[in-house]
Each structure stands twice: as structure tokens, then as C-alpha cells.
Amino acid sequence: MTTALLDHRKFRSALAQQGFKQEVFAEMVGITDRHVRNLCCKDIDIACSLLYRICTILQIPMLELLICVEE
């Protein structure tokens, strides 16, 4: 079975490239800064609606932040 996960390295890199602080980004997306820290630390199964909000703010395609993992 293949699972699509948010790639934490790509996400962290996108935040850094655009100069977002985790706390400010969390507020913009509507999640806690702790959740943003978790997204930056490990690959996570993410809801499509959250991925959409993240990518809309970062102005990048959703597929750019995803990786496929064989289980």
C-alpha cells in the first residue's frame, strides 16, 4: 500500500525560503505552533484541507510538499 505524506524537509525549506516564522504561519493557517513544529520534524499524514491551506499561503503546488511511501 502506498501512502502520501507531507515531507517535513520540503515543508521546513518552503517556510524558510519565504521567511515565515512558525508562530506566524500557524496563525495564518489556523493551527497551533506546536502542530507546525510537528510538521517540520517528521513526515506526517496530512488532511487535504490542511495541505490546501498551507500550499495556498506558501503559493506552491500541493504535490510539491508530498512524498509517497510504500508500507
C-alpha atoms as a PDB file:
ATOM      1  CA  MET A   1       0.000   0.000   0.000  1.00  0.00           C
ATOM      2  CA  THR A   2       1.238   3.493  -0.841  1.00  0.00           C
ATOM      3  CA  THR A   3       0.633   6.478   1.414  1.00  0.00           C
ATOM      4  CA  ALA A   4       1.129  10.155   0.601  1.00  0.00           C
ATOM      5  CA  LEU A   5       2.753  12.119   3.422  1.00  0.00           C
ATOM      6  CA  LEU A   6       3.777  15.717   3.956  1.00  0.00           C
ATOM      7  CA  ASP A   7       7.559  15.804   3.501  1.00  0.00           C
ATOM      8  CA  HIS A   8       8.859  17.655   6.554  1.00  0.00           C
ATOM      9  CA  ARG A   9      12.121  18.655   4.864  1.00  0.00           C
ATOM     10  CA  LYS A  10      10.351  20.265   1.905  1.00  0.00           C
ATOM     11  CA  PHE A  11       7.857  21.974   4.207  1.00  0.00           C
ATOM     12  CA  ARG A  12      10.571  23.344   6.503  1.00  0.00           C
ATOM     13  CA  SER A  13      12.541  24.529   3.479  1.00  0.00           C
ATOM     14  CA  ALA A  14       9.489  26.283   1.981  1.00  0.00           C
ATOM     15  CA  LEU A  15       8.846  28.092   5.266  1.00  0.00           C
ATOM     16  CA  ALA A  16      12.467  29.212   5.477  1.00  0.00           C
ATOM     17  CA  GLN A  17      12.655  30.322   1.835  1.00  0.00           C
ATOM     18  CA  GLN A  18       9.634  32.545   2.296  1.00  0.00           C
ATOM     19  CA  GLY A  19      10.782  33.861   5.665  1.00  0.00           C
ATOM     20  CA  PHE A  20       7.837  32.623   7.734  1.00  0.00           C
ATOM     21  CA  LYS A  21       8.217  32.194  11.476  1.00  0.00           C
ATOM     22  CA  GLN A  22       6.414  29.086  12.715  1.00  0.00           C
ATOM     23  CA  GLU A  23       4.159  31.003  15.118  1.00  0.00           C
ATOM     24  CA  VAL A  24       3.026  33.497  12.471  1.00  0.00           C
ATOM     25  CA  PHE A  25       2.485  30.771   9.886  1.00  0.00           C
ATOM     26  CA  ALA A  26       0.456  28.702  12.362  1.00  0.00           C
ATOM     27  CA  GLU A  27      -1.849  31.639  12.989  1.00  0.00           C
ATOM     28  CA  MET A  28      -2.315  32.218   9.251  1.00  0.00           C
ATOM     29  CA  VAL A  29      -3.176  28.562   8.628  1.00  0.00           C
ATOM     30  CA  GLY A  30      -5.362  28.220  11.708  1.00  0.00           C
ATOM     31  CA  ILE A  31      -3.356  25.591  13.587  1.00  0.00           C
ATOM     32  CA  THR A  32      -1.174  25.667  16.683  1.00  0.00           C
ATOM     33  CA  ASP A  33       2.508  26.496  16.507  1.00  0.00           C
ATOM     34  CA  ARG A  34       3.110  23.083  18.104  1.00  0.00           C
ATOM     35  CA  HIS A  35       1.424  21.449  15.097  1.00  0.00           C
ATOM     36  CA  VAL A  36       3.657  23.452  12.746  1.00  0.00           C
ATOM     37  CA  ARG A  37       6.706  22.258  14.723  1.00  0.00           C
ATOM     38  CA  ASN A  38       5.493  18.665  14.306  1.00  0.00           C
ATOM     39  CA  LEU A  39       5.059  19.193  10.571  1.00  0.00           C
ATOM     40  CA  CYS A  40       8.657  20.459  10.432  1.00  0.00           C
ATOM     41  CA  CYS A  41      10.086  17.484  12.345  1.00  0.00           C
ATOM     42  CA  LYS A  42       8.651  14.346  10.738  1.00  0.00           C
ATOM     43  CA  ASP A  43       6.790  13.166   7.653  1.00  0.00           C
ATOM     44  CA  ILE A  44       3.087  13.225   8.525  1.00  0.00           C
ATOM     45  CA  ASP A  45      -0.166  12.003   7.022  1.00  0.00           C
ATOM     46  CA  ILE A  46      -1.968  15.295   6.464  1.00  0.00           C
ATOM     47  CA  ALA A  47      -5.592  16.188   5.747  1.00  0.00           C
ATOM     48  CA  CYS A  48      -6.181  17.507   2.234  1.00  0.00           C
ATOM     49  CA  SER A  49      -7.872  20.621   3.573  1.00  0.00           C
ATOM     50  CA  LEU A  50      -4.842  21.492   5.733  1.00  0.00           C
ATOM     51  CA  LEU A  51      -2.434  20.783   2.886  1.00  0.00           C
ATOM     52  CA  TYR A  52      -4.517  23.053   0.655  1.00  0.00           C
ATOM     53  CA  ARG A  53      -4.415  25.931   3.176  1.00  0.00           C
ATOM     54  CA  ILE A  54      -0.651  25.504   3.635  1.00  0.00           C
ATOM     55  CA  CYS A  55       0.055  25.468  -0.082  1.00  0.00           C
ATOM     56  CA  THR A  56      -2.252  28.412  -0.740  1.00  0.00           C
ATOM     57  CA  ILE A  57      -0.353  30.535   1.757  1.00  0.00           C
ATOM     58  CA  LEU A  58       3.045  29.321   0.523  1.00  0.00           C
ATOM     59  CA  GLN A  59       1.861  29.703  -3.100  1.00  0.00           C
ATOM     60  CA  ILE A  60       3.203  26.324  -4.170  1.00  0.00           C
ATOM     61  CA  PRO A  61       1.532  23.273  -5.756  1.00  0.00           C
ATOM     62  CA  MET A  62       0.270  20.682  -3.268  1.00  0.00           C
ATOM     63  CA  LEU A  63       2.238  17.882  -4.936  1.00  0.00           C
ATOM     64  CA  GLU A  64       5.459  19.757  -4.213  1.00  0.00           C
ATOM     65  CA  LEU A  65       5.178  19.015  -0.478  1.00  0.00           C
ATOM     66  CA  LEU A  66       4.094  15.377  -0.740  1.00  0.00           C
ATOM     67  CA  ILE A  67       6.086  12.165  -0.836  1.00  0.00           C
ATOM     68  CA  CYS A  68       4.800   8.639  -1.459  1.00  0.00           C
ATOM     69  CA  VAL A  69       5.799   5.913   0.990  1.00  0.00           C
ATOM     70  CA  GLU A  70       5.351   2.175   0.466  1.00  0.00           C
ATOM     71  CA  GLU A  71       4.002   0.394   3.533  1.00  0.00           C
END
